[in-house]
């Protein structure tokens, strides 16, 4: 690999995205949401055969091997020096923090209850983006975003009985750190391809994830089953790499605030997968909430900013 000097690196120029490009960007962000909606059910499967530390560390190592192989095969130069702090935020939030905290939460929480994280994540990501990038969505956008978040939170809290647990503390911590990682990754995707953003973040974590994976596999029992292996492979290749590629590309195309609001649909998609993959019960309120969320998403996508 050749090193790209930060002094000679080209500064990205903001170019207006044509309507067709915005539509394709929305589609890519939506595909990322579909991939993410499978993360909690796949994690639940993975926990059937792996301990929480083993599952998170091994998934990160496997995803880094895939990403590193792509970077080497295409002879991608190292990112400019000015991009490494942002990549470190992506690594801390998306590669390490969110997977670890949600995996710990799912040891005692159902996937339906854990969906409260992604119910609040779109609003939190929009707030982080406004503070970090200076974006100023319209009042209509914020009103629709708040309404969508309120609908999802009301639904998930009602289903969980309204009681806060230790798992909720993990989930709220995951919410904050993931929103920071999403915001920084979306910003960096304007300067480099989205797959390189997550690829370099994964590679950056290898010095930590490899020894942790070795130690965790030694300390925690491992039982290889169809469910556990499938869950591990999905969270590594699907959630940790492929999903984030299209997600960051979509965020760069349509803007972080608008792309983030597509995740309002993620909790309901997760409930759908939980029914068919985990046999969990689908509450009657789900269709009503789904309609309300879809209306809010439509408003945020049409709102200025």
C-alpha atoms as a PDB file:
ATOM      1  CA  UNK A   1       0.000   0.000   0.000  1.00  0.00           C
ATOM      2  CA  UNK A   2       1.198   3.529  -0.653  1.00  0.00           C
ATOM      3  CA  UNK A   3       0.662   6.265   1.896  1.00  0.00           C
ATOM      4  CA  UNK A   4      -1.419   9.230   0.805  1.00  0.00           C
ATOM      5  CA  UNK A   5       0.012  12.384   2.301  1.00  0.00           C
ATOM      6  CA  UNK A   6      -2.441  14.624   4.099  1.00  0.00           C
ATOM      7  CA  UNK A   7      -0.642  17.591   2.552  1.00  0.00           C
ATOM      8  CA  UNK A   8      -1.285  16.428  -1.004  1.00  0.00           C
ATOM      9  CA  UNK A   9      -4.664  14.799  -0.461  1.00  0.00           C
ATOM     10  CA  UNK A  10      -7.415  16.324  -2.543  1.00  0.00           C
ATOM     11  CA  UNK A  11      -9.984  18.259  -0.573  1.00  0.00           C
ATOM     12  CA  UNK A  12     -13.478  17.017  -1.422  1.00  0.00           C
ATOM     13  CA  UNK A  13     -15.717  19.613  -3.039  1.00  0.00           C
ATOM     14  CA  UNK A  14     -19.390  19.683  -2.133  1.00  0.00           C
ATOM     15  CA  UNK A  15     -21.402  19.072  -5.308  1.00  0.00           C
ATOM     16  CA  UNK A  16     -25.204  19.257  -5.354  1.00  0.00           C
ATOM     17  CA  UNK A  17     -26.672  15.777  -5.607  1.00  0.00           C
ATOM     18  CA  UNK A  18     -29.178  15.410  -8.485  1.00  0.00           C
ATOM     19  CA  UNK A  19     -32.662  14.042  -7.648  1.00  0.00           C
ATOM     20  CA  UNK A  20     -31.817  10.697  -9.232  1.00  0.00           C
ATOM     21  CA  UNK A  21     -28.692  10.472  -7.086  1.00  0.00           C
ATOM     22  CA  UNK A  22     -30.706  11.279  -3.964  1.00  0.00           C
ATOM     23  CA  UNK A  23     -33.192   8.537  -4.822  1.00  0.00           C
ATOM     24  CA  UNK A  24     -30.414   5.994  -5.214  1.00  0.00           C
ATOM     25  CA  UNK A  25     -28.857   7.223  -1.988  1.00  0.00           C
ATOM     26  CA  UNK A  26     -32.154   6.716  -0.174  1.00  0.00           C
ATOM     27  CA  UNK A  27     -32.348   3.185  -1.575  1.00  0.00           C
ATOM     28  CA  UNK A  28     -28.843   2.403  -0.330  1.00  0.00           C
ATOM     29  CA  UNK A  29     -29.594   3.775   3.130  1.00  0.00           C
ATOM     30  CA  UNK A  30     -32.808   1.703   3.193  1.00  0.00           C
ATOM     31  CA  UNK A  31     -30.857  -1.456   2.302  1.00  0.00           C
ATOM     32  CA  UNK A  32     -28.567  -0.664   5.222  1.00  0.00           C
ATOM     33  CA  UNK A  33     -31.590  -0.442   7.527  1.00  0.00           C
ATOM     34  CA  UNK A  34     -32.805  -3.861   6.316  1.00  0.00           C
ATOM     35  CA  UNK A  35     -29.367  -5.328   7.037  1.00  0.00           C
ATOM     36  CA  UNK A  36     -29.272  -3.729  10.499  1.00  0.00           C
ATOM     37  CA  UNK A  37     -32.772  -4.975  11.308  1.00  0.00           C
ATOM     38  CA  UNK A  38     -31.414  -8.517  11.268  1.00  0.00           C
ATOM     39  CA  UNK A  39     -28.612  -7.712  13.719  1.00  0.00           C
ATOM     40  CA  UNK A  40     -30.496  -8.370  16.962  1.00  0.00           C
ATOM     41  CA  UNK A  41     -32.054 -11.696  15.839  1.00  0.00           C
ATOM     42  CA  UNK A  42     -28.672 -12.797  14.441  1.00  0.00           C
ATOM     43  CA  UNK A  43     -26.989 -11.801  17.712  1.00  0.00           C
ATOM     44  CA  UNK A  44     -29.545 -13.844  19.645  1.00  0.00           C
ATOM     45  CA  UNK A  45     -28.684 -16.822  17.447  1.00  0.00           C
ATOM     46  CA  UNK A  46     -24.976 -16.207  17.944  1.00  0.00           C
ATOM     47  CA  UNK A  47     -25.357 -16.144  21.718  1.00  0.00           C
ATOM     48  CA  UNK A  48     -26.708 -19.699  21.551  1.00  0.00           C
ATOM     49  CA  UNK A  49     -23.174 -20.918  20.872  1.00  0.00           C
ATOM     50  CA  UNK A  50     -20.792 -18.094  21.808  1.00  0.00           C
ATOM     51  CA  UNK A  51     -20.182 -15.950  24.864  1.00  0.00           C
ATOM     52  CA  UNK A  52     -20.794 -12.194  24.479  1.00  0.00           C
ATOM     53  CA  UNK A  53     -17.107 -11.249  24.349  1.00  0.00           C
ATOM     54  CA  UNK A  54     -16.305 -14.046  21.907  1.00  0.00           C
ATOM     55  CA  UNK A  55     -19.179 -13.117  19.618  1.00  0.00           C
ATOM     56  CA  UNK A  56     -18.288  -9.419  19.434  1.00  0.00           C
ATOM     57  CA  UNK A  57     -14.525  -9.925  19.075  1.00  0.00           C
ATOM     58  CA  UNK A  58     -14.762 -12.702  16.478  1.00  0.00           C
ATOM     59  CA  UNK A  59     -17.350 -10.815  14.410  1.00  0.00           C
ATOM     60  CA  UNK A  60     -15.077  -7.783  14.323  1.00  0.00           C
ATOM     61  CA  UNK A  61     -12.045  -9.862  13.326  1.00  0.00           C
ATOM     62  CA  UNK A  62     -13.949 -11.655  10.556  1.00  0.00           C
ATOM     63  CA  UNK A  63     -15.328  -8.369   9.222  1.00  0.00           C
ATOM     64  CA  UNK A  64     -11.827  -6.834   9.347  1.00  0.00           C
ATOM     65  CA  UNK A  65     -10.407  -9.770   7.368  1.00  0.00           C
ATOM     66  CA  UNK A  66     -13.030  -9.218   4.665  1.00  0.00           C
ATOM     67  CA  UNK A  67     -12.496  -5.465   4.628  1.00  0.00           C
ATOM     68  CA  UNK A  68      -8.700  -5.720   4.780  1.00  0.00           C
ATOM     69  CA  UNK A  69      -8.696  -8.192   1.898  1.00  0.00           C
ATOM     70  CA  UNK A  70     -10.707  -5.752  -0.225  1.00  0.00           C
ATOM     71  CA  UNK A  71      -8.419  -2.852   0.678  1.00  0.00           C
ATOM     72  CA  UNK A  72      -5.310  -4.874  -0.203  1.00  0.00           C
ATOM     73  CA  UNK A  73      -6.737  -6.330  -3.407  1.00  0.00           C
ATOM     74  CA  UNK A  74      -7.660  -2.877  -4.701  1.00  0.00           C
ATOM     75  CA  UNK A  75      -4.405  -1.288  -3.456  1.00  0.00           C
ATOM     76  CA  UNK A  76      -6.297   1.417  -1.599  1.00  0.00           C
ATOM     77  CA  UNK A  77      -3.909   4.041  -0.151  1.00  0.00           C
ATOM     78  CA  UNK A  78      -3.938   4.817   3.536  1.00  0.00           C
ATOM     79  CA  UNK A  79      -6.373   7.590   4.498  1.00  0.00           C
ATOM     80  CA  UNK A  80      -5.023  11.100   4.951  1.00  0.00           C
ATOM     81  CA  UNK A  81      -3.805  11.891   8.447  1.00  0.00           C
ATOM     82  CA  UNK A  82      -6.696  14.275   9.058  1.00  0.00           C
ATOM     83  CA  UNK A  83      -9.205  11.405   8.609  1.00  0.00           C
ATOM     84  CA  UNK A  84      -7.795   9.062  11.271  1.00  0.00           C
ATOM     85  CA  UNK A  85      -9.424  10.772  14.298  1.00  0.00           C
ATOM     86  CA  UNK A  86     -12.818  10.419  12.603  1.00  0.00           C
ATOM     87  CA  UNK A  87     -12.100   6.775  11.766  1.00  0.00           C
ATOM     88  CA  UNK A  88     -11.251   6.207  15.437  1.00  0.00           C
ATOM     89  CA  UNK A  89     -14.698   7.545  16.400  1.00  0.00           C
ATOM     90  CA  UNK A  90     -16.322   5.196  13.873  1.00  0.00           C
ATOM     91  CA  UNK A  91     -14.283   2.291  15.260  1.00  0.00           C
ATOM     92  CA  UNK A  92     -15.173   3.086  18.876  1.00  0.00           C
ATOM     93  CA  UNK A  93     -18.856   3.590  18.156  1.00  0.00           C
ATOM     94  CA  UNK A  94     -19.803   1.187  15.365  1.00  0.00           C
ATOM     95  CA  UNK A  95     -17.137  -1.546  15.473  1.00  0.00           C
ATOM     96  CA  UNK A  96     -16.660  -1.918  19.244  1.00  0.00           C
ATOM     97  CA  UNK A  97     -19.101   0.015  21.430  1.00  0.00           C
ATOM     98  CA  UNK A  98     -22.506  -0.653  19.875  1.00  0.00           C
ATOM     99  CA  UNK A  99     -21.953  -4.396  19.211  1.00  0.00           C
ATOM    100  CA  UNK A 100     -20.556  -5.014  22.701  1.00  0.00           C
ATOM    101  CA  UNK A 101     -23.209  -3.085  24.628  1.00  0.00           C
ATOM    102  CA  UNK A 102     -26.146  -4.499  22.648  1.00  0.00           C
ATOM    103  CA  UNK A 103     -24.781  -8.040  22.910  1.00  0.00           C
ATOM    104  CA  UNK A 104     -24.538  -7.691  26.693  1.00  0.00           C
ATOM    105  CA  UNK A 105     -28.089  -6.321  26.742  1.00  0.00           C
ATOM    106  CA  UNK A 106     -29.448  -9.200  24.660  1.00  0.00           C
ATOM    107  CA  UNK A 107     -28.265 -11.717  27.246  1.00  0.00           C
ATOM    108  CA  UNK A 108     -31.214 -10.671  29.423  1.00  0.00           C
ATOM    109  CA  UNK A 109     -33.437  -8.699  27.037  1.00  0.00           C
ATOM    110  CA  UNK A 110     -35.637  -9.803  24.154  1.00  0.00           C
ATOM    111  CA  UNK A 111     -34.957  -8.469  20.674  1.00  0.00           C
ATOM    112  CA  UNK A 112     -38.319  -6.673  20.760  1.00  0.00           C
ATOM    113  CA  UNK A 113     -37.317  -4.740  23.875  1.00  0.00           C
ATOM    114  CA  UNK A 114     -33.831  -4.004  22.520  1.00  0.00           C
ATOM    115  CA  UNK A 115     -35.472  -2.338  19.527  1.00  0.00           C
ATOM    116  CA  UNK A 116     -35.888   0.767  21.727  1.00  0.00           C
ATOM    117  CA  UNK A 117     -32.257   1.574  20.852  1.00  0.00           C
ATOM    118  CA  UNK A 118     -32.904   1.957  17.151  1.00  0.00           C
ATOM    119  CA  UNK A 119     -36.204   3.636  17.981  1.00  0.00           C
ATOM    120  CA  UNK A 120     -34.231   6.546  19.436  1.00  0.00           C
ATOM    121  CA  UNK A 121     -31.129   6.231  17.237  1.00  0.00           C
ATOM    122  CA  UNK A 122     -32.481   8.225  14.243  1.00  0.00           C
ATOM    123  CA  UNK A 123     -33.292  11.251  16.389  1.00  0.00           C
ATOM    124  CA  UNK A 124     -29.999  11.020  18.284  1.00  0.00           C
ATOM    125  CA  UNK A 125     -28.027  10.710  15.041  1.00  0.00           C
ATOM    126  CA  UNK A 126     -29.783  13.773  13.615  1.00  0.00           C
ATOM    127  CA  UNK A 127     -28.900  15.720  16.768  1.00  0.00           C
ATOM    128  CA  UNK A 128     -25.250  14.621  16.638  1.00  0.00           C
ATOM    129  CA  UNK A 129     -25.119  15.544  12.949  1.00  0.00           C
ATOM    130  CA  UNK A 130     -26.534  18.997  13.612  1.00  0.00           C
ATOM    131  CA  UNK A 131     -23.879  19.630  16.259  1.00  0.00           C
ATOM    132  CA  UNK A 132     -20.977  18.053  14.346  1.00  0.00           C
ATOM    133  CA  UNK A 133     -21.598  19.154  10.749  1.00  0.00           C
ATOM    134  CA  UNK A 134     -23.688  22.279  11.260  1.00  0.00           C
ATOM    135  CA  UNK A 135     -26.673  20.917   9.324  1.00  0.00           C
ATOM    136  CA  UNK A 136     -29.938  22.732  10.018  1.00  0.00           C
ATOM    137  CA  UNK A 137     -32.990  20.645   9.119  1.00  0.00           C
ATOM    138  CA  UNK A 138     -36.346  22.418   9.023  1.00  0.00           C
ATOM    139  CA  UNK A 139     -38.851  22.546  11.865  1.00  0.00           C
ATOM    140  CA  UNK A 140     -41.075  20.189   9.891  1.00  0.00           C
ATOM    141  CA  UNK A 141     -38.236  17.667   9.815  1.00  0.00           C
ATOM    142  CA  UNK A 142     -37.674  17.870  13.571  1.00  0.00           C
ATOM    143  CA  UNK A 143     -41.393  17.633  14.323  1.00  0.00           C
ATOM    144  CA  UNK A 144     -41.754  14.503  12.181  1.00  0.00           C
ATOM    145  CA  UNK A 145     -38.560  13.001  13.613  1.00  0.00           C
ATOM    146  CA  UNK A 146     -39.758  13.571  17.184  1.00  0.00           C
ATOM    147  CA  UNK A 147     -43.182  12.136  16.362  1.00  0.00           C
ATOM    148  CA  UNK A 148     -41.651   9.030  14.806  1.00  0.00           C
ATOM    149  CA  UNK A 149     -39.298   8.508  17.737  1.00  0.00           C
ATOM    150  CA  UNK A 150     -42.160   8.992  20.200  1.00  0.00           C
ATOM    151  CA  UNK A 151     -44.290   6.395  18.382  1.00  0.00           C
ATOM    152  CA  UNK A 152     -41.512   3.815  18.425  1.00  0.00           C
ATOM    153  CA  UNK A 153     -40.524   4.476  22.042  1.00  0.00           C
ATOM    154  CA  UNK A 154     -44.140   4.373  23.239  1.00  0.00           C
ATOM    155  CA  UNK A 155     -44.646   1.079  21.454  1.00  0.00           C
ATOM    156  CA  UNK A 156     -41.486  -0.601  22.753  1.00  0.00           C
ATOM    157  CA  UNK A 157     -41.837   0.699  26.330  1.00  0.00           C
ATOM    158  CA  UNK A 158     -45.469  -0.408  26.451  1.00  0.00           C
ATOM    159  CA  UNK A 159     -44.451  -3.862  25.264  1.00  0.00           C
ATOM    160  CA  UNK A 160     -41.733  -4.116  27.908  1.00  0.00           C
ATOM    161  CA  UNK A 161     -44.047  -3.064  30.748  1.00  0.00           C
ATOM    162  CA  UNK A 162     -42.283   0.265  31.242  1.00  0.00           C
ATOM    163  CA  UNK A 163     -39.623  -1.098  33.627  1.00  0.00           C
ATOM    164  CA  UNK A 164     -35.966  -0.089  33.258  1.00  0.00           C
ATOM    165  CA  UNK A 165     -33.356  -2.810  33.711  1.00  0.00           C
ATOM    166  CA  UNK A 166     -29.591  -3.223  33.528  1.00  0.00           C
ATOM    167  CA  UNK A 167     -30.052  -4.132  29.879  1.00  0.00           C
ATOM    168  CA  UNK A 168     -31.616  -0.707  29.318  1.00  0.00           C
ATOM    169  CA  UNK A 169     -28.453   0.984  30.609  1.00  0.00           C
ATOM    170  CA  UNK A 170     -26.402  -0.979  28.074  1.00  0.00           C
ATOM    171  CA  UNK A 171     -28.880  -0.046  25.347  1.00  0.00           C
ATOM    172  CA  UNK A 172     -28.875   3.675  26.114  1.00  0.00           C
ATOM    173  CA  UNK A 173     -25.073   3.678  26.180  1.00  0.00           C
ATOM    174  CA  UNK A 174     -25.050   1.902  22.821  1.00  0.00           C
ATOM    175  CA  UNK A 175     -27.459   4.510  21.475  1.00  0.00           C
ATOM    176  CA  UNK A 176     -25.152   7.439  22.234  1.00  0.00           C
ATOM    177  CA  UNK A 177     -21.913   5.889  21.045  1.00  0.00           C
ATOM    178  CA  UNK A 178     -23.459   4.528  17.849  1.00  0.00           C
ATOM    179  CA  UNK A 179     -24.989   7.896  16.938  1.00  0.00           C
ATOM    180  CA  UNK A 180     -21.509   9.448  17.182  1.00  0.00           C
ATOM    181  CA  UNK A 181     -20.063   6.694  14.992  1.00  0.00           C
ATOM    182  CA  UNK A 182     -22.825   7.060  12.399  1.00  0.00           C
ATOM    183  CA  UNK A 183     -22.404  10.831  12.256  1.00  0.00           C
ATOM    184  CA  UNK A 184     -18.637  10.689  11.848  1.00  0.00           C
ATOM    185  CA  UNK A 185     -18.873   7.876   9.305  1.00  0.00           C
ATOM    186  CA  UNK A 186     -21.451   9.747   7.258  1.00  0.00           C
ATOM    187  CA  UNK A 187     -19.221  12.823   7.273  1.00  0.00           C
ATOM    188  CA  UNK A 188     -16.158  10.831   6.176  1.00  0.00           C
ATOM    189  CA  UNK A 189     -18.166   9.149   3.413  1.00  0.00           C
ATOM    190  CA  UNK A 190     -18.211  12.526   1.690  1.00  0.00           C
ATOM    191  CA  UNK A 191     -14.416  12.350   1.391  1.00  0.00           C
ATOM    192  CA  UNK A 192     -13.876   8.633   0.679  1.00  0.00           C
ATOM    193  CA  UNK A 193     -16.063   5.696  -0.428  1.00  0.00           C
ATOM    194  CA  UNK A 194     -18.325   4.372   2.308  1.00  0.00           C
ATOM    195  CA  UNK A 195     -16.815   0.883   2.179  1.00  0.00           C
ATOM    196  CA  UNK A 196     -13.384   2.356   2.871  1.00  0.00           C
ATOM    197  CA  UNK A 197     -14.710   4.230   5.915  1.00  0.00           C
ATOM    198  CA  UNK A 198     -15.909   1.078   7.646  1.00  0.00           C
ATOM    199  CA  UNK A 199     -13.045  -0.961   6.169  1.00  0.00           C
ATOM    200  CA  UNK A 200     -10.334   1.207   7.714  1.00  0.00           C
ATOM    201  CA  UNK A 201     -12.253   1.430  10.999  1.00  0.00           C
ATOM    202  CA  UNK A 202     -12.371  -2.372  11.193  1.00  0.00           C
ATOM    203  CA  UNK A 203      -8.667  -2.707  10.367  1.00  0.00           C
ATOM    204  CA  UNK A 204      -7.849  -0.037  12.954  1.00  0.00           C
ATOM    205  CA  UNK A 205      -9.428  -2.250  15.640  1.00  0.00           C
ATOM    206  CA  UNK A 206      -7.466  -5.423  14.781  1.00  0.00           C
ATOM    207  CA  UNK A 207      -4.669  -4.876  17.354  1.00  0.00           C
ATOM    208  CA  UNK A 208      -7.397  -4.930  20.025  1.00  0.00           C
ATOM    209  CA  UNK A 209      -9.942  -7.386  18.629  1.00  0.00           C
ATOM    210  CA  UNK A 210      -7.498 -10.208  17.769  1.00  0.00           C
ATOM    211  CA  UNK A 211      -6.095 -10.699  21.311  1.00  0.00           C
ATOM    212  CA  UNK A 212      -9.554 -10.211  22.823  1.00  0.00           C
ATOM    213  CA  UNK A 213     -10.965 -12.851  20.466  1.00  0.00           C
ATOM    214  CA  UNK A 214      -8.229 -15.336  21.416  1.00  0.00           C
ATOM    215  CA  UNK A 215      -8.695 -14.710  25.137  1.00  0.00           C
ATOM    216  CA  UNK A 216     -12.502 -14.821  24.952  1.00  0.00           C
ATOM    217  CA  UNK A 217     -12.589 -18.053  22.940  1.00  0.00           C
ATOM    218  CA  UNK A 218     -10.354 -19.607  25.581  1.00  0.00           C
ATOM    219  CA  UNK A 219     -12.393 -18.378  28.547  1.00  0.00           C
ATOM    220  CA  UNK A 220     -15.952 -18.726  27.221  1.00  0.00           C
ATOM    221  CA  UNK A 221     -17.579 -21.997  26.131  1.00  0.00           C
ATOM    222  CA  UNK A 222     -18.219 -22.372  22.417  1.00  0.00           C
ATOM    223  CA  UNK A 223     -20.869 -24.579  20.860  1.00  0.00           C
ATOM    224  CA  UNK A 224     -20.968 -24.560  17.063  1.00  0.00           C
ATOM    225  CA  UNK A 225     -24.526 -24.986  15.822  1.00  0.00           C
ATOM    226  CA  UNK A 226     -26.334 -23.948  12.650  1.00  0.00           C
ATOM    227  CA  UNK A 227     -27.896 -21.004  14.497  1.00  0.00           C
ATOM    228  CA  UNK A 228     -24.733 -19.797  16.221  1.00  0.00           C
ATOM    229  CA  UNK A 229     -22.569 -19.985  13.096  1.00  0.00           C
ATOM    230  CA  UNK A 230     -25.213 -18.344  10.907  1.00  0.00           C
ATOM    231  CA  UNK A 231     -25.707 -15.577  13.454  1.00  0.00           C
ATOM    232  CA  UNK A 232     -21.961 -14.962  13.706  1.00  0.00           C
ATOM    233  CA  UNK A 233     -21.492 -14.851   9.931  1.00  0.00           C
ATOM    234  CA  UNK A 234     -24.368 -12.426   9.463  1.00  0.00           C
ATOM    235  CA  UNK A 235     -23.305  -9.934  12.143  1.00  0.00           C
ATOM    236  CA  UNK A 236     -19.749 -10.060  10.761  1.00  0.00           C
ATOM    237  CA  UNK A 237     -20.371  -9.839   7.007  1.00  0.00           C
ATOM    238  CA  UNK A 238     -23.877  -8.376   6.862  1.00  0.00           C
ATOM    239  CA  UNK A 239     -24.246  -6.010   9.805  1.00  0.00           C
ATOM    240  CA  UNK A 240     -20.609  -5.088  10.387  1.00  0.00           C
ATOM    241  CA  UNK A 241     -19.450  -4.632   6.784  1.00  0.00           C
ATOM    242  CA  UNK A 242     -21.929  -4.871   3.885  1.00  0.00           C
ATOM    243  CA  UNK A 243     -24.755  -3.086   5.696  1.00  0.00           C
ATOM    244  CA  UNK A 244     -22.480  -0.235   6.755  1.00  0.00           C
ATOM    245  CA  UNK A 245     -21.147   0.166   3.208  1.00  0.00           C
ATOM    246  CA  UNK A 246     -24.542   0.991   1.719  1.00  0.00           C
ATOM    247  CA  UNK A 247     -25.534   2.897   4.865  1.00  0.00           C
ATOM    248  CA  UNK A 248     -22.608   5.314   4.708  1.00  0.00           C
ATOM    249  CA  UNK A 249     -22.995   5.732   0.936  1.00  0.00           C
ATOM    250  CA  UNK A 250     -26.640   6.586   1.458  1.00  0.00           C
ATOM    251  CA  UNK A 251     -25.838   9.056   4.239  1.00  0.00           C
ATOM    252  CA  UNK A 252     -23.280  10.796   2.033  1.00  0.00           C
ATOM    253  CA  UNK A 253     -25.801  11.065  -0.822  1.00  0.00           C
ATOM    254  CA  UNK A 254     -28.928  12.302   0.969  1.00  0.00           C
ATOM    255  CA  UNK A 255     -27.467  13.803   4.134  1.00  0.00           C
ATOM    256  CA  UNK A 256     -27.050  12.345   7.605  1.00  0.00           C
ATOM    257  CA  UNK A 257     -30.296  13.705   9.123  1.00  0.00           C
ATOM    258  CA  UNK A 258     -32.579  12.411   6.363  1.00  0.00           C
ATOM    259  CA  UNK A 259     -30.862   9.044   6.049  1.00  0.00           C
ATOM    260  CA  UNK A 260     -30.974   8.557   9.808  1.00  0.00           C
ATOM    261  CA  UNK A 261     -34.769   8.866   9.856  1.00  0.00           C
ATOM    262  CA  UNK A 262     -35.109   5.774   7.679  1.00  0.00           C
ATOM    263  CA  UNK A 263     -34.028   3.847  10.766  1.00  0.00           C
ATOM    264  CA  UNK A 264     -37.386   4.604  12.341  1.00  0.00           C
ATOM    265  CA  UNK A 265     -38.562   1.530  10.433  1.00  0.00           C
ATOM    266  CA  UNK A 266     -35.810  -0.664  11.869  1.00  0.00           C
ATOM    267  CA  UNK A 267     -37.490  -1.656  15.177  1.00  0.00           C
ATOM    268  CA  UNK A 268     -40.581  -2.827  13.344  1.00  0.00           C
ATOM    269  CA  UNK A 269     -38.496  -4.776  10.827  1.00  0.00           C
ATOM    270  CA  UNK A 270     -36.649  -6.332  13.761  1.00  0.00           C
ATOM    271  CA  UNK A 271     -39.976  -7.383  15.258  1.00  0.00           C
ATOM    272  CA  UNK A 272     -40.899  -8.994  11.940  1.00  0.00           C
ATOM    273  CA  UNK A 273     -37.661 -10.999  11.860  1.00  0.00           C
ATOM    274  CA  UNK A 274     -38.043 -11.880  15.548  1.00  0.00           C
ATOM    275  CA  UNK A 275     -41.392 -13.508  14.834  1.00  0.00           C
ATOM    276  CA  UNK A 276     -40.178 -15.581  11.895  1.00  0.00           C
ATOM    277  CA  UNK A 277     -36.650 -16.366  13.089  1.00  0.00           C
ATOM    278  CA  UNK A 278     -36.991 -16.489  16.882  1.00  0.00           C
ATOM    279  CA  UNK A 279     -40.665 -17.347  17.345  1.00  0.00           C
ATOM    280  CA  UNK A 280     -41.385 -14.243  19.425  1.00  0.00           C
ATOM    281  CA  UNK A 281     -44.978 -12.972  19.598  1.00  0.00           C
ATOM    282  CA  UNK A 282     -45.934 -10.041  17.358  1.00  0.00           C
ATOM    283  CA  UNK A 283     -48.104  -7.592  19.333  1.00  0.00           C
ATOM    284  CA  UNK A 284     -51.318  -6.255  17.780  1.00  0.00           C
ATOM    285  CA  UNK A 285     -50.095  -2.678  18.144  1.00  0.00           C
ATOM    286  CA  UNK A 286     -47.258  -3.286  15.668  1.00  0.00           C
ATOM    287  CA  UNK A 287     -49.244  -2.598  12.450  1.00  0.00           C
ATOM    288  CA  UNK A 288     -50.637   0.667  13.867  1.00  0.00           C
ATOM    289  CA  UNK A 289     -47.166   1.793  14.906  1.00  0.00           C
ATOM    290  CA  UNK A 290     -45.797   0.791  11.500  1.00  0.00           C
ATOM    291  CA  UNK A 291     -48.262   3.060   9.698  1.00  0.00           C
ATOM    292  CA  UNK A 292     -47.470   5.981  12.014  1.00  0.00           C
ATOM    293  CA  UNK A 293     -43.735   5.507  11.520  1.00  0.00           C
ATOM    294  CA  UNK A 294     -44.034   5.291   7.737  1.00  0.00           C
ATOM    295  CA  UNK A 295     -45.945   8.583   7.687  1.00  0.00           C
ATOM    296  CA  UNK A 296     -43.211  10.235   9.769  1.00  0.00           C
ATOM    297  CA  UNK A 297     -40.502   8.852   7.478  1.00  0.00           C
ATOM    298  CA  UNK A 298     -42.315  10.227   4.425  1.00  0.00           C
ATOM    299  CA  UNK A 299     -42.498  13.679   6.019  1.00  0.00           C
ATOM    300  CA  UNK A 300     -38.805  13.732   6.977  1.00  0.00           C
ATOM    301  CA  UNK A 301     -37.775  12.711   3.457  1.00  0.00           C
ATOM    302  CA  UNK A 302     -39.822  15.551   1.908  1.00  0.00           C
ATOM    303  CA  UNK A 303     -38.899  18.188   4.471  1.00  0.00           C
ATOM    304  CA  UNK A 304     -36.263  20.782   3.630  1.00  0.00           C
ATOM    305  CA  UNK A 305     -32.783  19.962   4.928  1.00  0.00           C
END
